[in-house]
Amino acid sequence: MTEAETFAALLKARFSCRGFMPDPVPRDVIEDALADAQHVASWNNVQPWQVIALSPEETAGFATALSANAETATHQSDIPFPLRYEGIYKERRRACGWQLYDAVGVQKGDRAASGRQMRENFRLFGAPNCLLVTTPKDLGAYGVLDCGAYVMAVMLALQARGVASIAMAAVASFAPFVRARYGIAEDRDLVCAVAFGYADPDHPANSYRTTRAGLDEVVDWR
């Protein structure tokens, strides 16, 4: 297999995992993946990301505390969430959501069931490991852009080692809680979490894959 074929296979194999086995990922596997991700590009090589890597024990404690906090706290993210989804972006978002609901058996209009599935975000979908990614406020959108590239590199590096993952903006929606728990400095923004572990092949939430737009939809050749 050529390098290009290996890379393409890796991208196609990666998915947002929402059901994990309980087995933690060994520390050396995590360190190797993070070391690989350090080679991702960033503007002026500033490498704005800082990572809080939670142990399996801390991940479990964090998920429990985050779930409790989400029951009463209001959403407050450091980085504004999208104002709205319109047109094709709304269609893609809706299709993704219904694929998940169909997979786990949530019927249209069942608010209780959809609420239970939404709260799985704050359990980190049962993942045994978690990373929290922050960026300096002063770097603004470009620091966030660099961190997005870094998060993708981390997830691909994990996938290359047989480890599934999901990038989670839902965790960033309770930024004050996360900031207080881990002493994150006020001059840094919480970008997202990355929950990861070994995928549960029998979990229904892992049974579907989202589609991708063709080049004719996203590329304007000039």
N, C-alpha and C. Protein backbone atom coordinates (compact mmCIF):
# COMPACT_ATOMS: atom_id res chain seq x y z
N MET A 1 0.84 -1.19 0.00
CA MET A 1 0.00 0.00 0.00
C MET A 1 0.88 1.25 0.00
N THR A 2 0.60 2.20 -0.88
CA THR A 2 1.37 3.44 -0.93
C THR A 2 1.03 4.32 0.27
N GLU A 3 1.87 5.34 0.50
CA GLU A 3 1.59 6.28 1.59
C GLU A 3 0.24 6.97 1.37
N ALA A 4 -0.04 7.33 0.12
CA ALA A 4 -1.31 7.99 -0.18
C ALA A 4 -2.49 7.06 0.12
N GLU A 5 -2.36 5.79 -0.22
CA GLU A 5 -3.43 4.83 0.06
C GLU A 5 -3.59 4.61 1.56
N THR A 6 -2.48 4.56 2.28
CA THR A 6 -2.53 4.39 3.73
C THR A 6 -3.22 5.58 4.38
N PHE A 7 -2.87 6.79 3.91
CA PHE A 7 -3.48 7.99 4.46
C PHE A 7 -4.97 8.03 4.18
N ALA A 8 -5.36 7.71 2.95
CA ALA A 8 -6.77 7.70 2.59
C ALA A 8 -7.55 6.68 3.42
N ALA A 9 -6.96 5.51 3.62
CA ALA A 9 -7.62 4.47 4.42
C ALA A 9 -7.80 4.91 5.87
N LEU A 10 -6.80 5.62 6.39
CA LEU A 10 -6.86 6.10 7.76
C LEU A 10 -7.98 7.12 7.92
N LEU A 11 -8.09 8.05 6.97
CA LEU A 11 -9.14 9.06 7.02
C LEU A 11 -10.52 8.41 6.94
N LYS A 12 -10.66 7.42 6.08
CA LYS A 12 -11.96 6.78 5.90
C LYS A 12 -12.33 5.87 7.08
N ALA A 13 -11.31 5.35 7.78
CA ALA A 13 -11.58 4.47 8.92
C ALA A 13 -11.99 5.26 10.16
N ARG A 14 -11.49 6.49 10.29
CA ARG A 14 -11.81 7.30 11.47
C ARG A 14 -13.28 7.70 11.47
N PHE A 15 -13.91 7.62 12.62
CA PHE A 15 -15.30 8.05 12.77
C PHE A 15 -15.48 8.58 14.19
N SER A 16 -16.58 9.28 14.41
CA SER A 16 -16.86 9.80 15.75
C SER A 16 -17.47 8.68 16.59
N CYS A 17 -16.66 8.11 17.44
CA CYS A 17 -17.07 6.95 18.23
C CYS A 17 -17.97 7.41 19.39
N ARG A 18 -19.09 6.73 19.57
CA ARG A 18 -20.02 7.05 20.65
C ARG A 18 -20.34 5.84 21.53
N GLY A 19 -19.45 4.89 21.52
CA GLY A 19 -19.60 3.72 22.37
C GLY A 19 -18.25 3.06 22.52
N PHE A 20 -17.74 2.99 23.74
CA PHE A 20 -16.37 2.53 23.98
C PHE A 20 -16.34 1.30 24.88
N MET A 21 -15.30 0.49 24.69
CA MET A 21 -14.99 -0.56 25.64
C MET A 21 -14.38 0.08 26.88
N PRO A 22 -14.45 -0.58 28.04
CA PRO A 22 -13.94 0.02 29.27
C PRO A 22 -12.42 0.04 29.37
N ASP A 23 -11.73 -0.73 28.54
CA ASP A 23 -10.28 -0.86 28.66
C ASP A 23 -9.58 0.48 28.37
N PRO A 24 -8.74 0.95 29.29
CA PRO A 24 -8.02 2.21 29.05
C PRO A 24 -6.93 2.04 28.01
N VAL A 25 -6.57 3.14 27.39
CA VAL A 25 -5.48 3.15 26.42
C VAL A 25 -4.16 3.30 27.17
N PRO A 26 -3.18 2.45 26.91
CA PRO A 26 -1.90 2.55 27.61
C PRO A 26 -1.24 3.91 27.43
N ARG A 27 -0.55 4.36 28.48
CA ARG A 27 0.09 5.67 28.47
C ARG A 27 1.07 5.82 27.29
N ASP A 28 1.84 4.79 26.99
CA ASP A 28 2.82 4.92 25.92
C ASP A 28 2.16 5.09 24.56
N VAL A 29 1.00 4.49 24.36
CA VAL A 29 0.26 4.66 23.11
C VAL A 29 -0.20 6.10 22.97
N ILE A 30 -0.71 6.67 24.07
CA ILE A 30 -1.16 8.06 24.06
C ILE A 30 0.02 8.99 23.79
N GLU A 31 1.13 8.76 24.47
CA GLU A 31 2.30 9.63 24.28
C GLU A 31 2.79 9.59 22.84
N ASP A 32 2.82 8.41 22.24
CA ASP A 32 3.27 8.29 20.86
C ASP A 32 2.33 9.04 19.91
N ALA A 33 1.03 8.93 20.13
CA ALA A 33 0.06 9.63 19.28
C ALA A 33 0.21 11.14 19.42
N LEU A 34 0.38 11.62 20.65
CA LEU A 34 0.53 13.05 20.86
C LEU A 34 1.85 13.56 20.28
N ALA A 35 2.89 12.75 20.36
CA ALA A 35 4.17 13.14 19.77
C ALA A 35 4.05 13.26 18.25
N ASP A 36 3.32 12.35 17.62
CA ASP A 36 3.11 12.44 16.18
C ASP A 36 2.34 13.71 15.83
N ALA A 37 1.31 14.03 16.62
CA ALA A 37 0.47 15.19 16.33
C ALA A 37 1.24 16.50 16.45
N GLN A 38 2.34 16.51 17.19
CA GLN A 38 3.14 17.72 17.32
C GLN A 38 3.71 18.20 15.98
N HIS A 39 3.68 17.35 14.97
CA HIS A 39 4.23 17.72 13.67
C HIS A 39 3.23 18.43 12.78
N VAL A 40 2.01 18.66 13.28
CA VAL A 40 1.01 19.35 12.46
C VAL A 40 1.42 20.80 12.26
N ALA A 41 0.99 21.38 11.15
CA ALA A 41 1.33 22.78 10.86
C ALA A 41 0.56 23.74 11.75
N SER A 42 1.17 24.89 12.05
CA SER A 42 0.49 25.99 12.73
C SER A 42 1.07 27.30 12.25
N TRP A 43 0.25 28.35 12.31
CA TRP A 43 0.66 29.64 11.79
C TRP A 43 1.91 30.14 12.54
N ASN A 44 2.96 30.42 11.79
CA ASN A 44 4.23 30.87 12.36
C ASN A 44 4.82 29.87 13.36
N ASN A 45 4.37 28.63 13.26
CA ASN A 45 4.85 27.57 14.15
C ASN A 45 4.65 27.90 15.63
N VAL A 46 3.55 28.63 15.94
CA VAL A 46 3.33 29.01 17.35
C VAL A 46 2.85 27.84 18.20
N GLN A 47 2.26 26.80 17.56
CA GLN A 47 1.80 25.61 18.31
C GLN A 47 0.99 26.03 19.54
N PRO A 48 -0.17 26.64 19.32
CA PRO A 48 -0.91 27.26 20.42
C PRO A 48 -1.57 26.28 21.38
N TRP A 49 -1.70 25.03 20.99
CA TRP A 49 -2.44 24.07 21.81
C TRP A 49 -1.69 23.74 23.11
N GLN A 50 -2.47 23.63 24.15
CA GLN A 50 -2.03 23.03 25.40
C GLN A 50 -3.04 21.94 25.72
N VAL A 51 -2.56 20.82 26.22
CA VAL A 51 -3.42 19.66 26.42
C VAL A 51 -3.39 19.23 27.88
N ILE A 52 -4.58 18.99 28.44
CA ILE A 52 -4.71 18.36 29.75
C ILE A 52 -5.13 16.92 29.48
N ALA A 53 -4.24 15.98 29.76
CA ALA A 53 -4.49 14.56 29.50
C ALA A 53 -4.97 13.89 30.78
N LEU A 54 -6.20 13.45 30.78
CA LEU A 54 -6.80 12.86 31.98
C LEU A 54 -6.52 11.36 32.04
N SER A 55 -6.16 10.89 33.22
CA SER A 55 -5.99 9.46 33.44
C SER A 55 -7.35 8.78 33.37
N PRO A 56 -7.39 7.46 33.24
CA PRO A 56 -8.69 6.77 33.26
C PRO A 56 -9.49 7.07 34.52
N GLU A 57 -8.82 7.14 35.66
CA GLU A 57 -9.54 7.44 36.90
C GLU A 57 -10.10 8.85 36.88
N GLU A 58 -9.30 9.81 36.41
CA GLU A 58 -9.77 11.18 36.35
C GLU A 58 -10.84 11.35 35.27
N THR A 59 -10.70 10.62 34.18
CA THR A 59 -11.73 10.68 33.13
C THR A 59 -13.08 10.25 33.69
N ALA A 60 -13.10 9.18 34.46
CA ALA A 60 -14.35 8.70 35.06
C ALA A 60 -14.91 9.73 36.02
N GLY A 61 -14.04 10.31 36.85
CA GLY A 61 -14.50 11.33 37.79
C GLY A 61 -15.00 12.57 37.08
N PHE A 62 -14.31 12.96 36.02
CA PHE A 62 -14.71 14.13 35.25
C PHE A 62 -16.07 13.90 34.60
N ALA A 63 -16.28 12.74 34.02
CA ALA A 63 -17.56 12.44 33.37
C ALA A 63 -18.71 12.49 34.37
N THR A 64 -18.49 11.95 35.56
CA THR A 64 -19.52 11.98 36.59
C THR A 64 -19.84 13.41 37.01
N ALA A 65 -18.79 14.20 37.24
CA ALA A 65 -18.98 15.59 37.68
C ALA A 65 -19.59 16.44 36.57
N LEU A 66 -19.14 16.23 35.33
CA LEU A 66 -19.66 16.99 34.21
C LEU A 66 -21.14 16.69 34.00
N SER A 67 -21.52 15.43 34.11
CA SER A 67 -22.93 15.05 33.96
C SER A 67 -23.79 15.74 35.01
N ALA A 68 -23.31 15.77 36.24
CA ALA A 68 -24.06 16.43 37.32
C ALA A 68 -24.16 17.93 37.06
N ASN A 69 -23.07 18.53 36.61
CA ASN A 69 -23.07 19.96 36.34
C ASN A 69 -24.04 20.31 35.21
N ALA A 70 -24.09 19.46 34.19
CA ALA A 70 -24.93 19.73 33.04
C ALA A 70 -26.42 19.71 33.37
N GLU A 71 -26.78 19.08 34.48
CA GLU A 71 -28.18 19.02 34.88
C GLU A 71 -28.73 20.38 35.31
N THR A 72 -27.84 21.26 35.80
CA THR A 72 -28.31 22.53 36.36
C THR A 72 -27.66 23.76 35.73
N ALA A 73 -26.45 23.64 35.19
CA ALA A 73 -25.72 24.79 34.68
C ALA A 73 -26.23 25.21 33.31
N THR A 74 -26.03 26.48 32.97
CA THR A 74 -26.36 26.95 31.64
C THR A 74 -25.12 26.87 30.74
N HIS A 75 -25.35 26.75 29.46
CA HIS A 75 -24.23 26.66 28.51
C HIS A 75 -23.48 27.98 28.48
N GLN A 76 -22.15 27.88 28.58
CA GLN A 76 -21.30 29.06 28.51
C GLN A 76 -19.95 28.63 27.95
N SER A 77 -19.76 28.83 26.66
CA SER A 77 -18.52 28.43 26.02
C SER A 77 -17.59 29.63 25.89
N ASP A 78 -16.29 29.35 25.89
CA ASP A 78 -15.31 30.41 25.65
C ASP A 78 -15.37 30.89 24.21
N ILE A 79 -15.55 29.97 23.29
CA ILE A 79 -15.60 30.27 21.86
C ILE A 79 -17.05 30.19 21.42
N PRO A 80 -17.61 31.25 20.83
CA PRO A 80 -19.03 31.24 20.46
C PRO A 80 -19.37 30.06 19.55
N PHE A 81 -20.50 29.44 19.84
CA PHE A 81 -21.00 28.37 18.98
C PHE A 81 -21.59 29.00 17.71
N PRO A 82 -21.83 28.21 16.66
CA PRO A 82 -22.42 28.76 15.43
C PRO A 82 -23.72 29.50 15.71
N LEU A 83 -23.93 30.61 15.01
CA LEU A 83 -25.15 31.39 15.18
C LEU A 83 -26.36 30.63 14.65
N ARG A 84 -26.17 29.96 13.54
CA ARG A 84 -27.27 29.21 12.93
C ARG A 84 -26.70 28.27 11.87
N TYR A 85 -27.53 27.30 11.48
CA TYR A 85 -27.21 26.43 10.36
C TYR A 85 -28.29 26.64 9.31
N GLU A 86 -27.89 26.98 8.09
CA GLU A 86 -28.84 27.22 7.02
C GLU A 86 -28.47 26.39 5.79
N GLY A 87 -29.43 26.16 4.93
CA GLY A 87 -29.18 25.50 3.65
C GLY A 87 -28.57 24.13 3.79
N ILE A 88 -27.54 23.87 2.98
CA ILE A 88 -26.92 22.55 2.95
C ILE A 88 -26.31 22.18 4.29
N TYR A 89 -25.84 23.19 5.05
CA TYR A 89 -25.22 22.91 6.35
C TYR A 89 -26.28 22.41 7.34
N LYS A 90 -27.47 22.98 7.27
CA LYS A 90 -28.57 22.51 8.10
C LYS A 90 -28.99 21.10 7.70
N GLU A 91 -29.02 20.85 6.39
CA GLU A 91 -29.40 19.53 5.90
C GLU A 91 -28.41 18.46 6.37
N ARG A 92 -27.11 18.77 6.25
CA ARG A 92 -26.10 17.79 6.66
C ARG A 92 -26.17 17.54 8.16
N ARG A 93 -26.34 18.59 8.94
CA ARG A 93 -26.43 18.45 10.40
C ARG A 93 -27.64 17.60 10.78
N ARG A 94 -28.75 17.86 10.15
CA ARG A 94 -29.98 17.12 10.45
C ARG A 94 -29.82 15.65 10.06
N ALA A 95 -29.22 15.39 8.89
CA ALA A 95 -29.03 14.01 8.45
C ALA A 95 -28.14 13.25 9.41
N CYS A 96 -27.09 13.90 9.89
CA CYS A 96 -26.19 13.27 10.85
C CYS A 96 -26.92 12.92 12.13
N GLY A 97 -27.74 13.86 12.62
CA GLY A 97 -28.48 13.62 13.86
C GLY A 97 -29.46 12.46 13.72
N TRP A 98 -30.16 12.40 12.60
CA TRP A 98 -31.13 11.32 12.43
C TRP A 98 -30.48 9.98 12.20
N GLN A 99 -29.29 9.98 11.62
CA GLN A 99 -28.56 8.71 11.52
C GLN A 99 -28.26 8.16 12.91
N LEU A 100 -27.83 9.03 13.81
CA LEU A 100 -27.55 8.60 15.17
C LEU A 100 -28.82 8.12 15.86
N TYR A 101 -29.88 8.90 15.76
CA TYR A 101 -31.13 8.53 16.43
C TYR A 101 -31.68 7.20 15.89
N ASP A 102 -31.60 7.02 14.57
CA ASP A 102 -32.06 5.75 13.99
C ASP A 102 -31.24 4.58 14.52
N ALA A 103 -29.93 4.80 14.65
CA ALA A 103 -29.04 3.72 15.10
C ALA A 103 -29.36 3.29 16.52
N VAL A 104 -29.67 4.26 17.39
CA VAL A 104 -29.89 3.93 18.80
C VAL A 104 -31.37 3.79 19.14
N GLY A 105 -32.24 3.89 18.14
CA GLY A 105 -33.66 3.62 18.35
C GLY A 105 -34.46 4.77 18.92
N VAL A 106 -34.03 6.01 18.70
CA VAL A 106 -34.80 7.17 19.16
C VAL A 106 -35.82 7.52 18.08
N GLN A 107 -37.10 7.51 18.43
CA GLN A 107 -38.15 7.82 17.48
C GLN A 107 -38.36 9.33 17.39
N LYS A 108 -38.75 9.79 16.22
CA LYS A 108 -39.01 11.21 16.01
C LYS A 108 -40.08 11.69 16.98
N GLY A 109 -39.79 12.78 17.68
CA GLY A 109 -40.73 13.34 18.64
C GLY A 109 -40.56 12.82 20.05
N ASP A 110 -39.71 11.82 20.26
CA ASP A 110 -39.50 11.27 21.60
C ASP A 110 -38.45 12.12 22.32
N ARG A 111 -38.90 13.17 22.97
CA ARG A 111 -37.99 14.11 23.62
C ARG A 111 -37.21 13.46 24.76
N ALA A 112 -37.85 12.56 25.48
CA ALA A 112 -37.16 11.91 26.60
C ALA A 112 -35.98 11.09 26.11
N ALA A 113 -36.20 10.32 25.04
CA ALA A 113 -35.13 9.48 24.50
C ALA A 113 -34.02 10.32 23.88
N SER A 114 -34.39 11.36 23.14
CA SER A 114 -33.36 12.22 22.54
C SER A 114 -32.57 12.95 23.62
N GLY A 115 -33.25 13.31 24.72
CA GLY A 115 -32.56 13.94 25.84
C GLY A 115 -31.55 13.00 26.49
N ARG A 116 -31.94 11.73 26.63
CA ARG A 116 -31.01 10.74 27.21
C ARG A 116 -29.79 10.58 26.33
N GLN A 117 -30.02 10.53 25.01
CA GLN A 117 -28.88 10.38 24.10
C GLN A 117 -28.00 11.62 24.14
N MET A 118 -28.58 12.80 24.22
CA MET A 118 -27.80 14.03 24.31
C MET A 118 -26.93 14.04 25.55
N ARG A 119 -27.47 13.54 26.67
CA ARG A 119 -26.71 13.54 27.92
C ARG A 119 -25.54 12.56 27.90
N GLU A 120 -25.53 11.63 26.94
CA GLU A 120 -24.38 10.75 26.79
C GLU A 120 -23.11 11.55 26.48
N ASN A 121 -23.27 12.73 25.87
CA ASN A 121 -22.12 13.60 25.64
C ASN A 121 -21.38 13.88 26.93
N PHE A 122 -22.12 14.11 27.99
CA PHE A 122 -21.50 14.52 29.25
C PHE A 122 -20.98 13.34 30.05
N ARG A 123 -21.31 12.14 29.62
CA ARG A 123 -20.68 10.92 30.13
C ARG A 123 -19.44 10.57 29.29
N LEU A 124 -19.18 11.41 28.30
CA LEU A 124 -18.08 11.16 27.35
C LEU A 124 -18.28 9.84 26.62
N PHE A 125 -19.56 9.44 26.50
CA PHE A 125 -19.93 8.20 25.81
C PHE A 125 -19.23 6.98 26.41
N GLY A 126 -18.87 7.10 27.69
CA GLY A 126 -18.22 5.98 28.36
C GLY A 126 -16.76 5.79 28.00
N ALA A 127 -16.15 6.79 27.37
CA ALA A 127 -14.74 6.68 26.99
C ALA A 127 -13.85 6.59 28.23
N PRO A 128 -12.81 5.76 28.20
CA PRO A 128 -11.93 5.62 29.36
C PRO A 128 -10.84 6.67 29.42
N ASN A 129 -10.67 7.45 28.37
CA ASN A 129 -9.61 8.46 28.32
C ASN A 129 -10.14 9.75 27.73
N CYS A 130 -9.51 10.87 28.11
CA CYS A 130 -9.97 12.16 27.62
C CYS A 130 -8.83 13.17 27.60
N LEU A 131 -8.84 14.01 26.58
CA LEU A 131 -7.93 15.15 26.48
C LEU A 131 -8.77 16.43 26.46
N LEU A 132 -8.25 17.48 27.07
CA LEU A 132 -8.86 18.80 27.00
C LEU A 132 -7.87 19.72 26.29
N VAL A 133 -8.34 20.44 25.27
CA VAL A 133 -7.46 21.25 24.43
C VAL A 133 -7.80 22.72 24.62
N THR A 134 -6.78 23.55 24.90
CA THR A 134 -6.98 24.98 25.07
C THR A 134 -6.05 25.77 24.15
N THR A 135 -6.41 27.03 23.94
CA THR A 135 -5.62 27.92 23.07
C THR A 135 -5.57 29.31 23.71
N PRO A 136 -4.53 30.10 23.47
CA PRO A 136 -4.47 31.45 24.01
C PRO A 136 -5.57 32.35 23.42
N LYS A 137 -6.25 33.09 24.27
CA LYS A 137 -7.29 34.00 23.79
C LYS A 137 -6.73 35.00 22.79
N ASP A 138 -5.51 35.47 23.02
CA ASP A 138 -4.94 36.52 22.18
C ASP A 138 -4.75 36.09 20.73
N LEU A 139 -4.68 34.80 20.48
CA LEU A 139 -4.49 34.32 19.11
C LEU A 139 -5.79 34.22 18.33
N GLY A 140 -6.91 34.39 19.01
CA GLY A 140 -8.21 34.46 18.35
C GLY A 140 -8.52 33.28 17.47
N ALA A 141 -9.18 33.60 16.33
CA ALA A 141 -9.66 32.54 15.44
C ALA A 141 -8.52 31.71 14.87
N TYR A 142 -7.35 32.31 14.70
CA TYR A 142 -6.25 31.57 14.10
C TYR A 142 -5.64 30.56 15.07
N GLY A 143 -5.66 30.85 16.35
CA GLY A 143 -5.26 29.86 17.33
C GLY A 143 -6.22 28.69 17.35
N VAL A 144 -7.52 29.00 17.25
CA VAL A 144 -8.53 27.94 17.19
C VAL A 144 -8.36 27.10 15.93
N LEU A 145 -8.07 27.77 14.81
CA LEU A 145 -7.83 27.05 13.56
C LEU A 145 -6.66 26.08 13.69
N ASP A 146 -5.58 26.55 14.28
CA ASP A 146 -4.42 25.68 14.49
C ASP A 146 -4.78 24.50 15.39
N CYS A 147 -5.56 24.77 16.42
CA CYS A 147 -5.97 23.69 17.34
C CYS A 147 -6.87 22.68 16.64
N GLY A 148 -7.69 23.16 15.71
CA GLY A 148 -8.51 22.22 14.95
C GLY A 148 -7.67 21.26 14.14
N ALA A 149 -6.61 21.78 13.52
CA ALA A 149 -5.70 20.91 12.78
C ALA A 149 -5.02 19.93 13.72
N TYR A 150 -4.65 20.41 14.91
CA TYR A 150 -3.99 19.55 15.89
C TYR A 150 -4.93 18.43 16.36
N VAL A 151 -6.17 18.78 16.65
CA VAL A 151 -7.14 17.77 17.10
C VAL A 151 -7.31 16.69 16.03
N MET A 152 -7.40 17.10 14.77
CA MET A 152 -7.53 16.10 13.70
C MET A 152 -6.29 15.21 13.65
N ALA A 153 -5.11 15.82 13.82
CA ALA A 153 -3.88 15.03 13.80
C ALA A 153 -3.86 14.03 14.96
N VAL A 154 -4.31 14.46 16.13
CA VAL A 154 -4.38 13.55 17.28
C VAL A 154 -5.30 12.38 16.98
N MET A 155 -6.46 12.66 16.44
CA MET A 155 -7.43 11.60 16.19
C MET A 155 -6.92 10.63 15.13
N LEU A 156 -6.24 11.14 14.11
CA LEU A 156 -5.67 10.24 13.10
C LEU A 156 -4.52 9.42 13.68
N ALA A 157 -3.72 10.05 14.53
CA ALA A 157 -2.62 9.31 15.17
C ALA A 157 -3.16 8.21 16.07
N LEU A 158 -4.26 8.48 16.76
CA LEU A 158 -4.90 7.45 17.58
C LEU A 158 -5.48 6.35 16.69
N GLN A 159 -6.16 6.75 15.62
CA GLN A 159 -6.76 5.77 14.71
C GLN A 159 -5.70 4.84 14.13
N ALA A 160 -4.53 5.38 13.83
CA ALA A 160 -3.45 4.57 13.29
C ALA A 160 -3.00 3.49 14.27
N ARG A 161 -3.32 3.71 15.55
CA ARG A 161 -2.94 2.74 16.59
C ARG A 161 -4.14 1.93 17.07
N GLY A 162 -5.23 1.97 16.30
CA GLY A 162 -6.40 1.18 16.63
C GLY A 162 -7.27 1.77 17.71
N VAL A 163 -7.11 3.07 17.97
CA VAL A 163 -7.85 3.73 19.05
C VAL A 163 -8.89 4.66 18.44
N ALA A 164 -10.13 4.52 18.86
CA ALA A 164 -11.22 5.36 18.35
C ALA A 164 -11.34 6.63 19.19
N SER A 165 -11.98 7.65 18.61
CA SER A 165 -12.07 8.93 19.31
C SER A 165 -13.27 9.72 18.84
N ILE A 166 -13.55 10.80 19.57
CA ILE A 166 -14.56 11.76 19.16
C ILE A 166 -14.18 13.12 19.71
N ALA A 167 -14.17 14.13 18.84
CA ALA A 167 -13.93 15.51 19.28
C ALA A 167 -15.24 16.07 19.81
N MET A 168 -15.21 16.73 20.98
CA MET A 168 -16.43 17.07 21.68
C MET A 168 -16.51 18.55 22.04
N ALA A 169 -17.27 19.30 21.23
CA ALA A 169 -17.55 20.70 21.57
C ALA A 169 -18.52 20.77 22.75
N ALA A 170 -19.31 19.71 22.97
CA ALA A 170 -20.28 19.72 24.06
C ALA A 170 -19.60 19.97 25.41
N VAL A 171 -18.40 19.45 25.58
CA VAL A 171 -17.67 19.67 26.84
C VAL A 171 -17.31 21.14 26.99
N ALA A 172 -16.95 21.78 25.86
CA ALA A 172 -16.59 23.19 25.90
C ALA A 172 -17.77 24.09 26.20
N SER A 173 -18.99 23.56 26.09
CA SER A 173 -20.17 24.38 26.39
C SER A 173 -20.33 24.63 27.88
N PHE A 174 -19.55 23.96 28.70
CA PHE A 174 -19.52 24.22 30.15
C PHE A 174 -18.11 24.63 30.57
N ALA A 175 -17.58 25.61 29.83
CA ALA A 175 -16.21 26.05 30.05
C ALA A 175 -15.91 26.51 31.48
N PRO A 176 -16.78 27.28 32.15
CA PRO A 176 -16.46 27.70 33.52
C PRO A 176 -16.24 26.53 34.47
N PHE A 177 -17.04 25.49 34.32
CA PHE A 177 -16.90 24.30 35.16
C PHE A 177 -15.56 23.62 34.91
N VAL A 178 -15.21 23.43 33.63
CA VAL A 178 -13.95 22.78 33.27
C VAL A 178 -12.77 23.63 33.72
N ARG A 179 -12.87 24.94 33.52
CA ARG A 179 -11.80 25.86 33.91
C ARG A 179 -11.52 25.78 35.41
N ALA A 180 -12.59 25.78 36.20
CA ALA A 180 -12.43 25.74 37.65
C ALA A 180 -11.87 24.40 38.11
N ARG A 181 -12.31 23.32 37.49
CA ARG A 181 -11.86 21.98 37.92
C ARG A 181 -10.37 21.78 37.66
N TYR A 182 -9.88 22.33 36.54
CA TYR A 182 -8.49 22.05 36.16
C TYR A 182 -7.59 23.28 36.20
N GLY A 183 -8.07 24.36 36.76
CA GLY A 183 -7.23 25.54 36.92
C GLY A 183 -6.73 26.12 35.61
N ILE A 184 -7.57 26.10 34.59
CA ILE A 184 -7.19 26.65 33.29
C ILE A 184 -7.12 28.17 33.41
N ALA A 185 -6.03 28.76 32.97
CA ALA A 185 -5.81 30.20 33.11
C ALA A 185 -6.86 30.99 32.34
N GLU A 186 -7.18 32.17 32.82
CA GLU A 186 -8.20 33.00 32.20
C GLU A 186 -7.79 33.50 30.82
N ASP A 187 -6.49 33.47 30.52
CA ASP A 187 -6.05 33.94 29.21
C ASP A 187 -6.07 32.85 28.15
N ARG A 188 -6.69 31.71 28.47
CA ARG A 188 -6.80 30.62 27.51
C ARG A 188 -8.27 30.25 27.31
N ASP A 189 -8.62 29.86 26.09
CA ASP A 189 -9.95 29.39 25.76
C ASP A 189 -9.97 27.86 25.70
N LEU A 190 -11.03 27.27 26.20
CA LEU A 190 -11.24 25.83 26.04
C LEU A 190 -11.82 25.58 24.65
N VAL A 191 -11.09 24.84 23.83
CA VAL A 191 -11.52 24.58 22.45
C VAL A 191 -12.49 23.40 22.41
N CYS A 192 -12.07 22.27 22.96
CA CYS A 192 -12.89 21.07 22.92
C CYS A 192 -12.24 20.00 23.78
N ALA A 193 -12.94 18.90 23.92
CA ALA A 193 -12.36 17.68 24.50
C ALA A 193 -12.20 16.66 23.38
N VAL A 194 -11.31 15.71 23.59
CA VAL A 194 -11.22 14.53 22.72
C VAL A 194 -11.37 13.32 23.63
N ALA A 195 -12.51 12.64 23.52
CA ALA A 195 -12.71 11.40 24.27
C ALA A 195 -12.23 10.25 23.40
N PHE A 196 -11.56 9.28 24.01
CA PHE A 196 -11.01 8.20 23.17
C PHE A 196 -10.86 6.91 23.96
N GLY A 197 -10.73 5.85 23.21
CA GLY A 197 -10.58 4.51 23.77
C GLY A 197 -10.78 3.50 22.65
N TYR A 198 -11.02 2.27 23.02
CA TYR A 198 -11.24 1.22 22.01
C TYR A 198 -12.74 1.10 21.74
N ALA A 199 -13.10 1.17 20.46
CA ALA A 199 -14.51 1.18 20.07
C ALA A 199 -15.20 -0.13 20.45
N ASP A 200 -16.44 0.01 20.91
CA ASP A 200 -17.28 -1.15 21.16
C ASP A 200 -17.97 -1.49 19.84
N PRO A 201 -17.58 -2.58 19.19
CA PRO A 201 -18.14 -2.89 17.87
C PRO A 201 -19.62 -3.23 17.91
N ASP A 202 -20.14 -3.58 19.09
CA ASP A 202 -21.55 -3.96 19.21
C ASP A 202 -22.45 -2.81 19.64
N HIS A 203 -21.86 -1.65 19.92
CA HIS A 203 -22.69 -0.53 20.35
C HIS A 203 -23.43 0.03 19.13
N PRO A 204 -24.76 0.19 19.22
CA PRO A 204 -25.53 0.64 18.05
C PRO A 204 -25.12 2.01 17.53
N ALA A 205 -24.62 2.88 18.41
CA ALA A 205 -24.22 4.22 17.98
C ALA A 205 -23.00 4.19 17.06
N ASN A 206 -22.30 3.05 17.03
CA ASN A 206 -21.13 2.93 16.16
C ASN A 206 -21.45 2.22 14.84
N SER A 207 -22.73 2.01 14.57
CA SER A 207 -23.11 1.18 13.43
C SER A 207 -23.30 1.96 12.13
N TYR A 208 -23.21 3.28 12.18
CA TYR A 208 -23.45 4.06 10.97
C TYR A 208 -22.24 4.94 10.66
N ARG A 209 -22.19 5.42 9.43
CA ARG A 209 -21.13 6.34 9.02
C ARG A 209 -21.77 7.49 8.24
N THR A 210 -21.33 8.68 8.50
CA THR A 210 -21.83 9.83 7.77
C THR A 210 -21.26 9.86 6.36
N THR A 211 -21.96 10.56 5.48
CA THR A 211 -21.49 10.69 4.10
C THR A 211 -20.63 11.95 3.97
N ARG A 212 -19.91 12.06 2.89
CA ARG A 212 -19.09 13.23 2.61
C ARG A 212 -19.46 13.81 1.25
N ALA A 213 -19.45 15.13 1.17
CA ALA A 213 -19.76 15.81 -0.08
C ALA A 213 -18.71 15.49 -1.13
N GLY A 214 -19.13 15.45 -2.38
CA GLY A 214 -18.20 15.25 -3.47
C GLY A 214 -17.45 16.53 -3.79
N LEU A 215 -16.37 16.41 -4.54
CA LEU A 215 -15.57 17.58 -4.88
C LEU A 215 -16.39 18.62 -5.64
N ASP A 216 -17.38 18.19 -6.41
CA ASP A 216 -18.18 19.14 -7.17
C ASP A 216 -18.97 20.07 -6.27
N GLU A 217 -19.17 19.68 -5.00
CA GLU A 217 -19.91 20.51 -4.05
C GLU A 217 -19.03 21.49 -3.31
N VAL A 218 -17.74 21.22 -3.25
CA VAL A 218 -16.88 22.03 -2.37
C VAL A 218 -15.72 22.70 -3.09
N VAL A 219 -15.46 22.33 -4.33
CA VAL A 219 -14.29 22.90 -5.04
C VAL A 219 -14.76 23.70 -6.25
N ASP A 220 -14.27 24.92 -6.36
CA ASP A 220 -14.52 25.78 -7.51
C ASP A 220 -13.22 25.88 -8.28
N TRP A 221 -13.07 25.09 -9.33
CA TRP A 221 -11.85 25.08 -10.12
C TRP A 221 -11.79 26.33 -11.00
N ARG A 222 -10.70 27.06 -10.95
CA ARG A 222 -10.53 28.29 -11.74
C ARG A 222 -9.33 28.19 -12.66
